[in-house]
Amino acid sequence: MEVLRPQLIRIGGRVYRKNPIQEQTYQHEDEDDDCYQGLVECAEESCEAYEVVQTPQGFRCTVKAPSLLYKHIVGKRGDTRKKLEVETKTSISIPKPGQEGEIVITGQHRSGVISARTRIDVLLLTFRRKQPFTHFLAFFLNEAEVQEQFLKFQEEVLEKCS
C-alpha cells in the first residue's frame, strides 16, 4: 500500500482512509479475533455526524449496538477497549455480557469522543459483515400488481430526475 493511495473504507455515506502503520501482533491472539487493526481516520469528518452531549465532566456520546457484539469491542482481556481509550483519551463504558444497554463514551475533548465513536462504528460494521446470512427473501415478480407498481415507480423517478 502506498502512502499517497491509502485503502479507502466506505461507511454510511462517508469515506475513511486506513493509514499504513506498523501492526503489532501478539502471540496469544488469533487473526480472526483481532479485527481492530490500527487507526482508521475520517477523510472529511463532520463534527455534526454524532450526537455529542456536553456534560460538567466533559463530553459524552452513546452507541446503540447488539449485546452480542460487545465482546468484539472489548477484545481479548480488554485489549481493544484499552487501546481505543488510550489512543482517543476517552473512557468507554460497555454493559456486562448478557445485559442490554448502550455503549457510553466519555472524554474531556469532543474530538476524542467523536474519534472513539467512529472507531467503534468501524469495528461494529466489520463484525456485522462477518456474520452469516440468517434469512432468505423471495418475491414473485411476475404478478401483475408488482409489475404495475414497478412501472409507476419508474415513471415517477424519470419525472423527478429528468
Protein backbone atom coordinates (compact mmCIF):
# COMPACT_ATOMS: atom_id res chain seq x y z
CA MET A 1 0.00 0.00 0.00
CA GLU A 2 1.33 3.42 -0.91
CA VAL A 3 1.23 6.45 1.33
CA LEU A 4 -0.34 8.55 -1.42
CA ARG A 5 -3.04 5.97 -2.18
CA PRO A 6 -4.29 4.57 1.15
CA GLN A 7 -7.01 1.96 1.38
CA LEU A 8 -10.49 3.58 1.48
CA ILE A 9 -13.35 2.29 3.61
CA ARG A 10 -16.92 3.46 2.93
CA ILE A 11 -19.30 3.55 5.89
CA GLY A 12 -22.73 5.16 5.91
CA GLY A 13 -22.07 7.57 3.05
CA ARG A 14 -18.68 8.65 4.39
CA VAL A 15 -15.22 7.71 3.19
CA TYR A 16 -12.47 6.83 5.67
CA ARG A 17 -8.85 6.16 4.86
CA LYS A 18 -6.83 3.47 6.54
CA ASN A 19 -3.38 4.87 7.11
CA PRO A 20 -0.45 2.48 6.80
CA ILE A 21 1.05 1.74 10.20
CA GLN A 22 3.13 -0.99 11.71
CA GLU A 23 0.70 -3.57 13.02
CA GLN A 24 1.65 -5.33 16.20
CA THR A 25 0.63 -8.94 16.55
CA TYR A 26 0.71 -10.76 19.82
CA GLN A 27 1.37 -14.45 20.20
CA HIS A 28 -1.87 -15.09 22.11
CA GLU A 29 -4.17 -13.54 19.50
CA ASP A 30 -5.72 -15.23 16.50
CA GLU A 31 -6.03 -13.35 13.23
CA ASP A 32 -9.82 -13.65 13.19
CA ASP A 33 -10.24 -12.34 16.73
CA ASP A 34 -8.16 -9.20 16.27
CA CYS A 35 -10.11 -7.13 13.79
CA TYR A 36 -9.09 -3.74 15.15
CA GLN A 37 -6.02 -3.12 13.06
CA GLY A 38 -4.68 0.33 13.68
CA LEU A 39 -6.06 3.75 13.12
CA VAL A 40 -8.95 4.42 10.81
CA GLU A 41 -9.30 8.12 10.26
CA CYS A 42 -12.06 10.05 8.63
CA ALA A 43 -11.17 11.80 5.40
CA GLU A 44 -13.54 14.73 5.94
CA GLU A 45 -15.28 14.11 9.25
CA SER A 46 -18.27 16.24 10.05
CA CYS A 47 -18.43 17.12 13.72
CA GLU A 48 -22.21 17.06 13.44
CA ALA A 49 -22.28 13.37 12.46
CA TYR A 50 -22.86 12.16 16.04
CA GLU A 51 -24.85 13.48 18.94
CA VAL A 52 -22.18 14.50 21.43
CA VAL A 53 -23.55 16.00 24.65
CA GLN A 54 -21.51 18.36 26.79
CA THR A 55 -21.61 17.48 30.49
CA PRO A 56 -19.92 19.05 33.53
CA GLN A 57 -17.22 16.34 33.32
CA GLY A 58 -16.58 16.81 29.58
CA PHE A 59 -18.30 15.26 26.57
CA ARG A 60 -20.50 12.17 26.22
CA CYS A 61 -21.76 10.09 23.30
CA THR A 62 -23.75 6.86 23.23
CA VAL A 63 -23.70 3.98 20.73
CA LYS A 64 -26.54 1.51 20.30
CA ALA A 65 -25.30 -1.95 19.45
CA PRO A 66 -26.46 -5.54 19.95
CA SER A 67 -25.06 -7.14 23.10
CA LEU A 68 -23.62 -9.97 21.00
CA LEU A 69 -21.09 -7.53 19.51
CA TYR A 70 -19.84 -6.12 22.84
CA LYS A 71 -17.18 -8.82 23.13
CA HIS A 72 -15.62 -7.69 19.86
CA ILE A 73 -15.28 -4.11 21.08
CA VAL A 74 -13.79 -5.24 24.39
CA GLY A 75 -11.36 -7.66 22.75
CA LYS A 76 -9.28 -10.31 24.47
CA ARG A 77 -8.75 -9.35 28.11
CA GLY A 78 -9.97 -5.84 27.27
CA ASP A 79 -7.07 -5.11 24.91
CA THR A 80 -9.11 -3.49 22.12
CA ARG A 81 -11.08 -1.32 24.52
CA LYS A 82 -7.93 -0.20 26.37
CA LYS A 83 -6.21 0.61 23.11
CA LEU A 84 -9.19 2.70 21.99
CA GLU A 85 -9.33 4.52 25.32
CA VAL A 86 -5.60 5.32 25.29
CA GLU A 87 -5.48 6.46 21.66
CA THR A 88 -8.58 8.67 21.91
CA LYS A 89 -8.11 9.76 25.55
CA THR A 90 -11.65 8.69 26.41
CA SER A 91 -13.42 6.30 28.75
CA ILE A 92 -15.64 3.64 27.18
CA SER A 93 -18.34 2.03 29.31
CA ILE A 94 -19.74 -1.22 27.89
CA PRO A 95 -22.57 -3.18 29.56
CA LYS A 96 -21.63 -6.56 31.02
CA PRO A 97 -22.16 -9.69 28.91
CA GLY A 98 -25.81 -10.70 28.68
CA GLN A 99 -27.06 -7.21 29.58
CA GLU A 100 -28.66 -4.85 27.10
CA GLY A 101 -27.84 -1.17 27.04
CA GLU A 102 -25.81 1.45 25.26
CA ILE A 103 -22.09 1.87 24.97
CA VAL A 104 -21.17 5.19 26.59
CA ILE A 105 -18.10 7.15 25.51
CA THR A 106 -16.93 9.99 27.75
CA GLY A 107 -13.92 12.27 27.44
CA GLN A 108 -12.53 15.72 28.07
CA HIS A 109 -12.29 16.61 24.36
CA ARG A 110 -15.07 16.48 21.81
CA SER A 111 -12.70 15.33 19.06
CA GLY A 112 -11.57 12.35 21.15
CA VAL A 113 -15.16 11.27 21.78
CA ILE A 114 -16.00 11.58 18.07
CA SER A 115 -12.87 9.63 17.14
CA ALA A 116 -13.74 6.82 19.58
CA ARG A 117 -17.31 6.71 18.23
CA THR A 118 -16.05 6.48 14.65
CA ARG A 119 -13.68 3.65 15.51
CA ILE A 120 -16.40 1.74 17.37
CA ASP A 121 -18.68 2.14 14.35
CA VAL A 122 -15.94 0.73 12.12
CA LEU A 123 -15.49 -2.25 14.47
CA LEU A 124 -19.23 -2.91 14.60
CA LEU A 125 -19.56 -2.72 10.84
CA THR A 126 -16.63 -5.09 10.37
CA PHE A 127 -18.13 -7.71 12.66
CA ARG A 128 -21.62 -7.31 11.22
CA ARG A 129 -20.26 -8.02 7.75
CA LYS A 130 -18.61 -11.22 9.04
CA GLN A 131 -21.92 -12.58 10.32
CA PRO A 132 -23.52 -15.28 8.16
CA PHE A 133 -26.85 -14.64 6.49
CA THR A 134 -29.84 -15.83 8.51
CA HIS A 135 -32.78 -15.20 6.19
CA PHE A 136 -33.72 -15.57 2.55
CA LEU A 137 -36.44 -13.42 0.99
CA ALA A 138 -38.19 -14.27 -2.25
CA PHE A 139 -40.64 -12.07 -4.12
CA PHE A 140 -42.84 -13.05 -7.02
CA LEU A 141 -42.02 -10.50 -9.70
CA ASN A 142 -44.33 -11.98 -12.32
CA GLU A 143 -47.51 -10.81 -10.57
CA ALA A 144 -49.46 -8.06 -12.31
CA GLU A 145 -49.69 -5.78 -9.24
CA VAL A 146 -45.93 -5.88 -8.64
CA GLN A 147 -45.24 -5.09 -12.30
CA GLU A 148 -47.74 -2.21 -12.30
CA GLN A 149 -46.21 -0.69 -9.17
CA PHE A 150 -42.74 -1.01 -10.68
CA LEU A 151 -43.80 0.82 -13.83
CA LYS A 152 -45.44 3.53 -11.71
CA PHE A 153 -42.24 3.87 -9.67
CA GLN A 154 -40.18 4.03 -12.87
CA GLU A 155 -42.35 6.85 -14.26
CA GLU A 156 -42.07 8.84 -11.02
CA VAL A 157 -38.30 8.52 -10.96
CA LEU A 158 -37.98 9.58 -14.59
CA GLU A 159 -40.22 12.62 -14.00
CA LYS A 160 -38.25 13.79 -10.95
CA CYS A 161 -34.77 13.06 -12.30
CA SER A 162 -35.03 14.28 -15.88
